[in-house]
Amino acid sequence: MNIIKNIEGNKLEMAVEGRLDTNSSPVFMDAFTEVSEGVEDFVLDLGKVDYISSAGLRVLLSMQKIMNKQGKMTIVNATSDLMEVFDLTGFSDILNIG
C-alpha cells in the first residue's frame, strides 16, 4: 500500500494505492492520525484502491467520526467495485462520497 499526503493549511488530501485490509489498515490509520490534528477539510482519494476488507471499512468509519468532530471528510474517485461494497454495507449512507 502506498499513501500520498498533501497538507495545505487546514486541508489534508490523501491518496491511497493498493489494498485496505487487515495488514494495511493500521498503517493507513496511523498515517492519518499523524497529521489529522487541526484538519478541517479531509479529501481521501480511493481511485487506486483495488480491495477493501472489513478492517478497511472500520478505518474509514473511524476517520469519518474524527472528521465529524472537527470538519468534513470527502471520499473521491471511488471505483465501481468500492462503490458496490459501500452500497452493500450501507457505508454509502454514512460516508460523504463525492
Protein backbone atom coordinates (compact mmCIF):
# COMPACT_ATOMS: atom_id res chain seq x y z
CA MET A 1 0.00 0.00 0.00
CA ASN A 2 1.23 3.48 -0.87
CA ILE A 3 -0.05 6.63 0.81
CA ILE A 4 0.48 10.14 -0.51
CA LYS A 5 -0.30 13.03 1.84
CA ASN A 6 -0.60 16.70 0.97
CA ILE A 7 -1.34 19.29 3.64
CA GLU A 8 -2.17 22.91 2.89
CA GLY A 9 -3.34 24.92 5.87
CA ASN A 10 -6.27 23.09 7.42
CA LYS A 11 -6.86 20.88 4.35
CA LEU A 12 -5.47 17.35 4.10
CA GLU A 13 -5.51 15.35 0.89
CA MET A 14 -4.56 11.68 0.99
CA ALA A 15 -4.35 9.27 -1.91
CA VAL A 16 -4.14 5.55 -1.23
CA GLU A 17 -2.97 2.86 -3.63
CA GLY A 18 -3.32 -0.89 -3.13
CA ARG A 19 -5.35 -2.89 -0.64
CA LEU A 20 -7.05 -1.72 2.53
CA ASP A 21 -7.09 -4.91 4.53
CA THR A 22 -6.17 -6.29 7.96
CA ASN A 23 -2.46 -5.76 7.35
CA SER A 24 -2.53 -2.29 5.82
CA SER A 25 -5.40 -0.67 7.72
CA PRO A 26 -3.40 0.09 10.90
CA VAL A 27 -0.67 1.73 8.80
CA PHE A 28 -3.31 3.76 6.98
CA MET A 29 -4.93 4.90 10.24
CA ASP A 30 -1.54 5.82 11.71
CA ALA A 31 -0.71 7.90 8.63
CA PHE A 32 -3.99 9.78 9.10
CA THR A 33 -3.71 10.34 12.85
CA GLU A 34 -0.13 11.66 12.49
CA VAL A 35 -1.41 14.66 10.54
CA SER A 36 -5.14 14.95 11.33
CA GLU A 37 -4.94 17.39 14.23
CA GLY A 38 -6.32 20.75 13.13
CA VAL A 39 -7.56 19.41 9.79
CA GLU A 40 -10.98 20.75 8.88
CA ASP A 41 -11.21 19.51 5.30
CA PHE A 42 -10.09 15.94 4.55
CA VAL A 43 -10.20 14.64 0.98
CA LEU A 44 -9.47 10.93 0.56
CA ASP A 45 -8.73 9.67 -2.95
CA LEU A 46 -9.51 5.94 -3.26
CA GLY A 47 -9.13 5.78 -7.04
CA LYS A 48 -6.25 3.30 -6.85
CA VAL A 49 -7.62 1.07 -4.08
CA ASP A 50 -8.38 -2.32 -5.59
CA TYR A 51 -9.69 -4.08 -2.47
CA ILE A 52 -11.22 -3.15 0.88
CA SER A 53 -11.90 -5.53 3.76
CA SER A 54 -14.00 -5.03 6.88
CA ALA A 55 -10.85 -3.73 8.59
CA GLY A 56 -10.53 -1.08 5.89
CA LEU A 57 -14.18 -0.14 6.32
CA ARG A 58 -13.66 0.23 10.08
CA VAL A 59 -10.76 2.61 9.46
CA LEU A 60 -12.90 4.72 7.12
CA LEU A 61 -15.63 4.82 9.75
CA SER A 62 -13.10 5.89 12.42
CA MET A 63 -11.79 8.64 10.15
CA GLN A 64 -15.33 9.82 9.44
CA LYS A 65 -16.09 10.00 13.19
CA ILE A 66 -12.94 12.04 13.83
CA MET A 67 -13.69 14.41 10.98
CA ASN A 68 -17.33 14.84 12.03
CA LYS A 69 -15.97 16.48 15.20
CA GLN A 70 -13.51 18.81 13.51
CA GLY A 71 -14.67 19.35 9.94
CA LYS A 72 -15.60 17.23 6.95
CA MET A 73 -14.31 14.20 5.08
CA THR A 74 -14.94 13.57 1.40
CA ILE A 75 -14.08 10.39 -0.47
CA VAL A 76 -13.29 10.92 -4.15
CA ASN A 77 -12.61 8.64 -7.12
CA ALA A 78 -14.07 5.53 -5.50
CA THR A 79 -14.03 2.72 -8.06
CA SER A 80 -17.19 0.89 -9.04
CA ASP A 81 -16.01 -2.13 -7.01
CA LEU A 82 -15.59 0.03 -3.91
CA MET A 83 -18.94 1.71 -4.50
CA GLU A 84 -20.55 -1.72 -4.64
CA VAL A 85 -19.03 -2.58 -1.24
CA PHE A 86 -20.13 0.79 0.17
CA ASP A 87 -23.67 0.27 -1.14
CA LEU A 88 -23.95 -3.32 0.13
CA THR A 89 -22.68 -2.41 3.59
CA GLY A 90 -24.65 0.82 3.93
CA PHE A 91 -21.45 2.86 4.07
CA SER A 92 -22.63 4.92 1.10
CA ASP A 93 -25.21 6.41 3.50
CA ILE A 94 -22.60 7.11 6.21
CA LEU A 95 -19.65 8.40 4.18
CA ASN A 96 -19.56 11.61 2.15
CA ILE A 97 -18.68 10.31 -1.31
CA GLY A 98 -18.10 12.97 -3.93
